[in-house]
Amino acid sequence: MTREDIVSKTKEILSEEFEVAEDLIVDDAELQATLELDSLDYVDLVVIIEENFGFKVEQADFTEIKTFSDFYDYVQTKVN
């Protein structure tokens, strides 16, 4: 899966699930602030990632993800 595929799929899924405009989901935007995530939303996000990208998310890995770019990099390393 290419980075472009990951970005496109992520924007589609997250904008629908968290009711955020796709144009707000940009590389340098903060994931938590843009999606307005609370602790329960993080659980939902992990489930969404696991179901849509086919890998198990490790909590320790996810704590380092601050921006969408970090998120894309993380997914790319796990799916490839």
PDB file of N, CA and C in Angstrom:
ATOM      1  N   MET A   1       0.856  -1.178   0.000  1.00  0.00           N
ATOM      2  CA  MET A   1       0.000   0.000   0.000  1.00  0.00           C
ATOM      3  C   MET A   1       0.901   1.241   0.000  1.00  0.00           C
ATOM      4  N   THR A   2       0.647   2.151  -0.909  1.00  0.00           N
ATOM      5  CA  THR A   2       1.470   3.359  -0.989  1.00  0.00           C
ATOM      6  C   THR A   2       1.004   4.385   0.042  1.00  0.00           C
ATOM      7  N   ARG A   3       1.871   5.368   0.282  1.00  0.00           N
ATOM      8  CA  ARG A   3       1.507   6.441   1.207  1.00  0.00           C
ATOM      9  C   ARG A   3       0.261   7.174   0.701  1.00  0.00           C
ATOM     10  N   GLU A   4       0.176   7.387  -0.597  1.00  0.00           N
ATOM     11  CA  GLU A   4      -0.992   8.069  -1.176  1.00  0.00           C
ATOM     12  C   GLU A   4      -2.277   7.291  -0.906  1.00  0.00           C
ATOM     13  N   ASP A   5      -2.197   5.951  -1.002  1.00  0.00           N
ATOM     14  CA  ASP A   5      -3.352   5.100  -0.692  1.00  0.00           C
ATOM     15  C   ASP A   5      -3.751   5.251   0.775  1.00  0.00           C
ATOM     16  N   ILE A   6      -2.746   5.264   1.640  1.00  0.00           N
ATOM     17  CA  ILE A   6      -2.997   5.399   3.076  1.00  0.00           C
ATOM     18  C   ILE A   6      -3.637   6.746   3.386  1.00  0.00           C
ATOM     19  N   VAL A   7      -3.105   7.813   2.801  1.00  0.00           N
ATOM     20  CA  VAL A   7      -3.641   9.155   3.028  1.00  0.00           C
ATOM     21  C   VAL A   7      -5.088   9.237   2.559  1.00  0.00           C
ATOM     22  N   SER A   8      -5.346   8.749   1.376  1.00  0.00           N
ATOM     23  CA  SER A   8      -6.698   8.806   0.811  1.00  0.00           C
ATOM     24  C   SER A   8      -7.690   8.015   1.663  1.00  0.00           C
ATOM     25  N   LYS A   9      -7.321   6.792   2.010  1.00  0.00           N
ATOM     26  CA  LYS A   9      -8.192   5.939   2.819  1.00  0.00           C
ATOM     27  C   LYS A   9      -8.415   6.548   4.205  1.00  0.00           C
ATOM     28  N   THR A  10      -7.354   7.079   4.796  1.00  0.00           N
ATOM     29  CA  THR A  10      -7.445   7.688   6.120  1.00  0.00           C
ATOM     30  C   THR A  10      -8.401   8.876   6.107  1.00  0.00           C
ATOM     31  N   LYS A  11      -8.233   9.755   5.146  1.00  0.00           N
ATOM     32  CA  LYS A  11      -9.100  10.932   5.065  1.00  0.00           C
ATOM     33  C   LYS A  11     -10.566  10.518   4.935  1.00  0.00           C
ATOM     34  N   GLU A  12     -10.823   9.551   4.081  1.00  0.00           N
ATOM     35  CA  GLU A  12     -12.194   9.094   3.869  1.00  0.00           C
ATOM     36  C   GLU A  12     -12.792   8.507   5.146  1.00  0.00           C
ATOM     37  N   ILE A  13     -12.049   7.627   5.783  1.00  0.00           N
ATOM     38  CA  ILE A  13     -12.546   6.942   6.981  1.00  0.00           C
ATOM     39  C   ILE A  13     -12.720   7.911   8.153  1.00  0.00           C
ATOM     40  N   LEU A  14     -11.671   8.691   8.438  1.00  0.00           N
ATOM     41  CA  LEU A  14     -11.707   9.556   9.619  1.00  0.00           C
ATOM     42  C   LEU A  14     -12.686  10.708   9.470  1.00  0.00           C
ATOM     43  N   SER A  15     -12.823  11.244   8.265  1.00  0.00           N
ATOM     44  CA  SER A  15     -13.783  12.334   8.086  1.00  0.00           C
ATOM     45  C   SER A  15     -15.206  11.836   8.321  1.00  0.00           C
ATOM     46  N   GLU A  16     -15.466  10.604   7.901  1.00  0.00           N
ATOM     47  CA  GLU A  16     -16.801  10.032   8.106  1.00  0.00           C
ATOM     48  C   GLU A  16     -17.028   9.657   9.571  1.00  0.00           C
ATOM     49  N   GLU A  17     -16.078   8.955  10.160  1.00  0.00           N
ATOM     50  CA  GLU A  17     -16.240   8.462  11.534  1.00  0.00           C
ATOM     51  C   GLU A  17     -16.254   9.579  12.581  1.00  0.00           C
ATOM     52  N   PHE A  18     -15.434  10.618  12.370  1.00  0.00           N
ATOM     53  CA  PHE A  18     -15.318  11.674  13.364  1.00  0.00           C
ATOM     54  C   PHE A  18     -15.958  12.990  12.912  1.00  0.00           C
ATOM     55  N   GLU A  19     -16.663  12.932  11.777  1.00  0.00           N
ATOM     56  CA  GLU A  19     -17.412  14.074  11.240  1.00  0.00           C
ATOM     57  C   GLU A  19     -16.549  15.329  11.143  1.00  0.00           C
ATOM     58  N   VAL A  20     -15.416  15.168  10.444  1.00  0.00           N
ATOM     59  CA  VAL A  20     -14.469  16.253  10.220  1.00  0.00           C
ATOM     60  C   VAL A  20     -14.280  16.409   8.712  1.00  0.00           C
ATOM     61  N   ALA A  21     -14.215  17.638   8.245  1.00  0.00           N
ATOM     62  CA  ALA A  21     -14.002  17.886   6.820  1.00  0.00           C
ATOM     63  C   ALA A  21     -12.643  17.326   6.400  1.00  0.00           C
ATOM     64  N   GLU A  22     -12.607  16.655   5.249  1.00  0.00           N
ATOM     65  CA  GLU A  22     -11.363  16.062   4.758  1.00  0.00           C
ATOM     66  C   GLU A  22     -10.254  17.084   4.584  1.00  0.00           C
ATOM     67  N   ASP A  23     -10.610  18.313   4.236  1.00  0.00           N
ATOM     68  CA  ASP A  23      -9.565  19.328   4.015  1.00  0.00           C
ATOM     69  C   ASP A  23      -8.873  19.757   5.308  1.00  0.00           C
ATOM     70  N   LEU A  24      -9.393  19.361   6.472  1.00  0.00           N
ATOM     71  CA  LEU A  24      -8.726  19.631   7.742  1.00  0.00           C
ATOM     72  C   LEU A  24      -7.700  18.561   8.100  1.00  0.00           C
ATOM     73  N   ILE A  25      -7.794  17.424   7.419  1.00  0.00           N
ATOM     74  CA  ILE A  25      -6.889  16.310   7.677  1.00  0.00           C
ATOM     75  C   ILE A  25      -5.677  16.472   6.759  1.00  0.00           C
ATOM     76  N   VAL A  26      -4.707  17.230   7.248  1.00  0.00           N
ATOM     77  CA  VAL A  26      -3.483  17.520   6.493  1.00  0.00           C
ATOM     78  C   VAL A  26      -2.273  17.040   7.296  1.00  0.00           C
ATOM     79  N   ASP A  27      -1.174  16.830   6.603  1.00  0.00           N
ATOM     80  CA  ASP A  27       0.014  16.220   7.210  1.00  0.00           C
ATOM     81  C   ASP A  27       0.428  16.825   8.542  1.00  0.00           C
ATOM     82  N   ASP A  28       0.515  18.145   8.616  1.00  0.00           N
ATOM     83  CA  ASP A  28       1.057  18.770   9.824  1.00  0.00           C
ATOM     84  C   ASP A  28       0.011  19.113  10.887  1.00  0.00           C
ATOM     85  N   ALA A  29      -1.236  18.779  10.640  1.00  0.00           N
ATOM     86  CA  ALA A  29      -2.289  19.029  11.630  1.00  0.00           C
ATOM     87  C   ALA A  29      -2.175  18.017  12.775  1.00  0.00           C
ATOM     88  N   GLU A  30      -2.487  18.479  13.978  1.00  0.00           N
ATOM     89  CA  GLU A  30      -2.466  17.586  15.130  1.00  0.00           C
ATOM     90  C   GLU A  30      -3.669  16.651  15.090  1.00  0.00           C
ATOM     91  N   LEU A  31      -3.393  15.382  15.209  1.00  0.00           N
ATOM     92  CA  LEU A  31      -4.425  14.350  15.133  1.00  0.00           C
ATOM     93  C   LEU A  31      -5.494  14.555  16.204  1.00  0.00           C
ATOM     94  N   GLN A  32      -5.076  14.682  17.452  1.00  0.00           N
ATOM     95  CA  GLN A  32      -6.018  14.794  18.564  1.00  0.00           C
ATOM     96  C   GLN A  32      -6.879  16.043  18.444  1.00  0.00           C
ATOM     97  N   ALA A  33      -6.278  17.181  18.164  1.00  0.00           N
ATOM     98  CA  ALA A  33      -7.021  18.436  18.090  1.00  0.00           C
ATOM     99  C   ALA A  33      -7.964  18.458  16.890  1.00  0.00           C
ATOM    100  N   THR A  34      -7.513  17.989  15.746  1.00  0.00           N
ATOM    101  CA  THR A  34      -8.331  18.019  14.535  1.00  0.00           C
ATOM    102  C   THR A  34      -9.560  17.125  14.668  1.00  0.00           C
ATOM    103  N   LEU A  35      -9.357  15.939  15.226  1.00  0.00           N
ATOM    104  CA  LEU A  35     -10.468  14.994  15.376  1.00  0.00           C
ATOM    105  C   LEU A  35     -11.220  15.180  16.687  1.00  0.00           C
ATOM    106  N   GLU A  36     -10.738  16.092  17.539  1.00  0.00           N
ATOM    107  CA  GLU A  36     -11.329  16.349  18.855  1.00  0.00           C
ATOM    108  C   GLU A  36     -11.485  15.050  19.651  1.00  0.00           C
ATOM    109  N   LEU A  37     -10.364  14.335  19.792  1.00  0.00           N
ATOM    110  CA  LEU A  37     -10.375  13.021  20.419  1.00  0.00           C
ATOM    111  C   LEU A  37     -10.309  13.110  21.939  1.00  0.00           C
ATOM    112  N   ASP A  38     -11.175  12.340  22.586  1.00  0.00           N
ATOM    113  CA  ASP A  38     -11.046  12.116  24.020  1.00  0.00           C
ATOM    114  C   ASP A  38     -10.592  10.666  24.200  1.00  0.00           C
ATOM    115  N   SER A  39     -10.498  10.195  25.411  1.00  0.00           N
ATOM    116  CA  SER A  39      -9.955   8.851  25.633  1.00  0.00           C
ATOM    117  C   SER A  39     -10.802   7.754  24.980  1.00  0.00           C
ATOM    118  N   LEU A  40     -12.113   7.900  24.993  1.00  0.00           N
ATOM    119  CA  LEU A  40     -12.970   6.898  24.338  1.00  0.00           C
ATOM    120  C   LEU A  40     -12.822   6.945  22.824  1.00  0.00           C
ATOM    121  N   ASP A  41     -12.627   8.137  22.284  1.00  0.00           N
ATOM    122  CA  ASP A  41     -12.427   8.268  20.845  1.00  0.00           C
ATOM    123  C   ASP A  41     -11.143   7.574  20.401  1.00  0.00           C
ATOM    124  N   TYR A  42     -10.122   7.603  21.246  1.00  0.00           N
ATOM    125  CA  TYR A  42      -8.877   6.908  20.912  1.00  0.00           C
ATOM    126  C   TYR A  42      -9.119   5.409  20.774  1.00  0.00           C
ATOM    127  N   VAL A  43      -9.957   4.854  21.631  1.00  0.00           N
ATOM    128  CA  VAL A  43     -10.307   3.436  21.533  1.00  0.00           C
ATOM    129  C   VAL A  43     -10.992   3.179  20.197  1.00  0.00           C
ATOM    130  N   ASP A  44     -11.931   4.036  19.831  1.00  0.00           N
ATOM    131  CA  ASP A  44     -12.602   3.912  18.537  1.00  0.00           C
ATOM    132  C   ASP A  44     -11.610   4.009  17.392  1.00  0.00           C
ATOM    133  N   LEU A  45     -10.668   4.930  17.498  1.00  0.00           N
ATOM    134  CA  LEU A  45      -9.668   5.112  16.452  1.00  0.00           C
ATOM    135  C   LEU A  45      -8.817   3.862  16.283  1.00  0.00           C
ATOM    136  N   VAL A  46      -8.417   3.264  17.374  1.00  0.00           N
ATOM    137  CA  VAL A  46      -7.620   2.032  17.313  1.00  0.00           C
ATOM    138  C   VAL A  46      -8.407   0.927  16.608  1.00  0.00           C
ATOM    139  N   VAL A  47      -9.665   0.765  16.962  1.00  0.00           N
ATOM    140  CA  VAL A  47     -10.510  -0.252  16.327  1.00  0.00           C
ATOM    141  C   VAL A  47     -10.646   0.021  14.829  1.00  0.00           C
ATOM    142  N   ILE A  48     -10.857   1.278  14.465  1.00  0.00           N
ATOM    143  CA  ILE A  48     -10.989   1.662  13.058  1.00  0.00           C
ATOM    144  C   ILE A  48      -9.711   1.316  12.295  1.00  0.00           C
ATOM    145  N   ILE A  49      -8.570   1.620  12.880  1.00  0.00           N
ATOM    146  CA  ILE A  49      -7.291   1.324  12.230  1.00  0.00           C
ATOM    147  C   ILE A  49      -7.139  -0.181  12.037  1.00  0.00           C
ATOM    148  N   GLU A  50      -7.382  -0.935  13.095  1.00  0.00           N
ATOM    149  CA  GLU A  50      -7.218  -2.383  13.022  1.00  0.00           C
ATOM    150  C   GLU A  50      -8.145  -3.007  11.983  1.00  0.00           C
ATOM    151  N   GLU A  51      -9.381  -2.552  11.914  1.00  0.00           N
ATOM    152  CA  GLU A  51     -10.340  -3.107  10.970  1.00  0.00           C
ATOM    153  C   GLU A  51     -10.040  -2.712   9.529  1.00  0.00           C
ATOM    154  N   ASN A  52      -9.587  -1.495   9.303  1.00  0.00           N
ATOM    155  CA  ASN A  52      -9.408  -0.994   7.944  1.00  0.00           C
ATOM    156  C   ASN A  52      -8.021  -1.237   7.363  1.00  0.00           C
ATOM    157  N   PHE A  53      -7.014  -1.397   8.220  1.00  0.00           N
ATOM    158  CA  PHE A  53      -5.666  -1.587   7.709  1.00  0.00           C
ATOM    159  C   PHE A  53      -5.101  -2.971   8.023  1.00  0.00           C
ATOM    160  N   GLY A  54      -5.807  -3.758   8.833  1.00  0.00           N
ATOM    161  CA  GLY A  54      -5.450  -5.156   9.030  1.00  0.00           C
ATOM    162  C   GLY A  54      -4.233  -5.439   9.888  1.00  0.00           C
ATOM    163  N   PHE A  55      -3.965  -4.626  10.886  1.00  0.00           N
ATOM    164  CA  PHE A  55      -2.882  -4.930  11.815  1.00  0.00           C
ATOM    165  C   PHE A  55      -3.293  -4.496  13.217  1.00  0.00           C
ATOM    166  N   LYS A  56      -2.627  -5.083  14.206  1.00  0.00           N
ATOM    167  CA  LYS A  56      -2.923  -4.759  15.605  1.00  0.00           C
ATOM    168  C   LYS A  56      -2.108  -3.547  16.026  1.00  0.00           C
ATOM    169  N   VAL A  57      -2.766  -2.589  16.631  1.00  0.00           N
ATOM    170  CA  VAL A  57      -2.122  -1.370  17.099  1.00  0.00           C
ATOM    171  C   VAL A  57      -1.597  -1.606  18.514  1.00  0.00           C
ATOM    172  N   GLU A  58      -0.334  -1.310  18.697  1.00  0.00           N
ATOM    173  CA  GLU A  58       0.285  -1.396  20.022  1.00  0.00           C
ATOM    174  C   GLU A  58       0.166  -0.027  20.687  1.00  0.00           C
ATOM    175  N   GLN A  59      -0.315   0.007  21.896  1.00  0.00           N
ATOM    176  CA  GLN A  59      -0.521   1.271  22.600  1.00  0.00           C
ATOM    177  C   GLN A  59       0.773   2.078  22.693  1.00  0.00           C
ATOM    178  N   ALA A  60       1.876   1.416  22.960  1.00  0.00           N
ATOM    179  CA  ALA A  60       3.159   2.117  23.089  1.00  0.00           C
ATOM    180  C   ALA A  60       3.541   2.812  21.786  1.00  0.00           C
ATOM    181  N   ASP A  61       3.275   2.190  20.650  1.00  0.00           N
ATOM    182  CA  ASP A  61       3.570   2.799  19.352  1.00  0.00           C
ATOM    183  C   ASP A  61       2.702   4.027  19.126  1.00  0.00           C
ATOM    184  N   PHE A  62       1.465   3.927  19.499  1.00  0.00           N
ATOM    185  CA  PHE A  62       0.497   4.975  19.182  1.00  0.00           C
ATOM    186  C   PHE A  62       0.727   6.246  19.991  1.00  0.00           C
ATOM    187  N   THR A  63       1.372   6.145  21.122  1.00  0.00           N
ATOM    188  CA  THR A  63       1.600   7.334  21.954  1.00  0.00           C
ATOM    189  C   THR A  63       2.541   8.339  21.292  1.00  0.00           C
ATOM    190  N   GLU A  64       3.337   7.899  20.330  1.00  0.00           N
ATOM    191  CA  GLU A  64       4.272   8.784  19.632  1.00  0.00           C
ATOM    192  C   GLU A  64       3.622   9.538  18.463  1.00  0.00           C
ATOM    193  N   ILE A  65       2.400   9.202  18.126  1.00  0.00           N
ATOM    194  CA  ILE A  65       1.723   9.806  16.976  1.00  0.00           C
ATOM    195  C   ILE A  65       1.084  11.124  17.396  1.00  0.00           C
ATOM    196  N   LYS A  66       1.585  12.210  16.823  1.00  0.00           N
ATOM    197  CA  LYS A  66       1.062  13.540  17.142  1.00  0.00           C
ATOM    198  C   LYS A  66       0.326  14.164  15.951  1.00  0.00           C
ATOM    199  N   THR A  67       0.878  14.014  14.756  1.00  0.00           N
ATOM    200  CA  THR A  67       0.298  14.634  13.558  1.00  0.00           C
ATOM    201  C   THR A  67      -0.218  13.557  12.612  1.00  0.00           C
ATOM    202  N   PHE A  68      -0.944  13.993  11.603  1.00  0.00           N
ATOM    203  CA  PHE A  68      -1.409  13.037  10.599  1.00  0.00           C
ATOM    204  C   PHE A  68      -0.235  12.429   9.846  1.00  0.00           C
ATOM    205  N   SER A  69       0.819  13.195   9.642  1.00  0.00           N
ATOM    206  CA  SER A  69       2.017  12.671   8.984  1.00  0.00           C
ATOM    207  C   SER A  69       2.610  11.525   9.804  1.00  0.00           C
ATOM    208  N   ASP A  70       2.676  11.698  11.125  1.00  0.00           N
ATOM    209  CA  ASP A  70       3.135  10.622  12.011  1.00  0.00           C
ATOM    210  C   ASP A  70       2.246   9.393  11.853  1.00  0.00           C
ATOM    211  N   PHE A  71       0.955   9.641  11.779  1.00  0.00           N
ATOM    212  CA  PHE A  71      -0.017   8.559  11.633  1.00  0.00           C
ATOM    213  C   PHE A  71       0.214   7.808  10.326  1.00  0.00           C
ATOM    214  N   TYR A  72       0.362   8.547   9.224  1.00  0.00           N
ATOM    215  CA  TYR A  72       0.592   7.908   7.922  1.00  0.00           C
ATOM    216  C   TYR A  72       1.871   7.084   7.940  1.00  0.00           C
ATOM    217  N   ASP A  73       2.936   7.624   8.536  1.00  0.00           N
ATOM    218  CA  ASP A  73       4.203   6.898   8.630  1.00  0.00           C
ATOM    219  C   ASP A  73       4.030   5.610   9.414  1.00  0.00           C
ATOM    220  N   TYR A  74       3.313   5.694  10.521  1.00  0.00           N
ATOM    221  CA  TYR A  74       3.069   4.517  11.359  1.00  0.00           C
ATOM    222  C   TYR A  74       2.317   3.442  10.584  1.00  0.00           C
ATOM    223  N   VAL A  75       1.232   3.817   9.942  1.00  0.00           N
ATOM    224  CA  VAL A  75       0.436   2.835   9.179  1.00  0.00           C
ATOM    225  C   VAL A  75       1.293   2.241   8.067  1.00  0.00           C
ATOM    226  N   GLN A  76       2.048   3.061   7.376  1.00  0.00           N
ATOM    227  CA  GLN A  76       2.862   2.568   6.266  1.00  0.00           C
ATOM    228  C   GLN A  76       3.888   1.525   6.739  1.00  0.00           C
ATOM    229  N   THR A  77       4.496   1.736   7.887  1.00  0.00           N
ATOM    230  CA  THR A  77       5.463   0.756   8.385  1.00  0.00           C
ATOM    231  C   THR A  77       4.790  -0.553   8.787  1.00  0.00           C
ATOM    232  N   LYS A  78       3.555  -0.466   9.241  1.00  0.00           N
ATOM    233  CA  LYS A  78       2.844  -1.667   9.681  1.00  0.00           C
ATOM    234  C   LYS A  78       2.258  -2.476   8.519  1.00  0.00           C
ATOM    235  N   VAL A  79       1.803  -1.811   7.468  1.00  0.00           N
ATOM    236  CA  VAL A  79       1.163  -2.546   6.369  1.00  0.00           C
ATOM    237  C   VAL A  79       2.157  -3.014   5.321  1.00  0.00           C
ATOM    238  N   ASN A  80       3.355  -2.479   5.321  1.00  0.00           N
ATOM    239  CA  ASN A  80       4.338  -2.877   4.290  1.00  0.00           C
ATOM    240  C   ASN A  80       5.431  -3.765   4.842  1.00  0.00           C
TER     241      ASN A  80
END
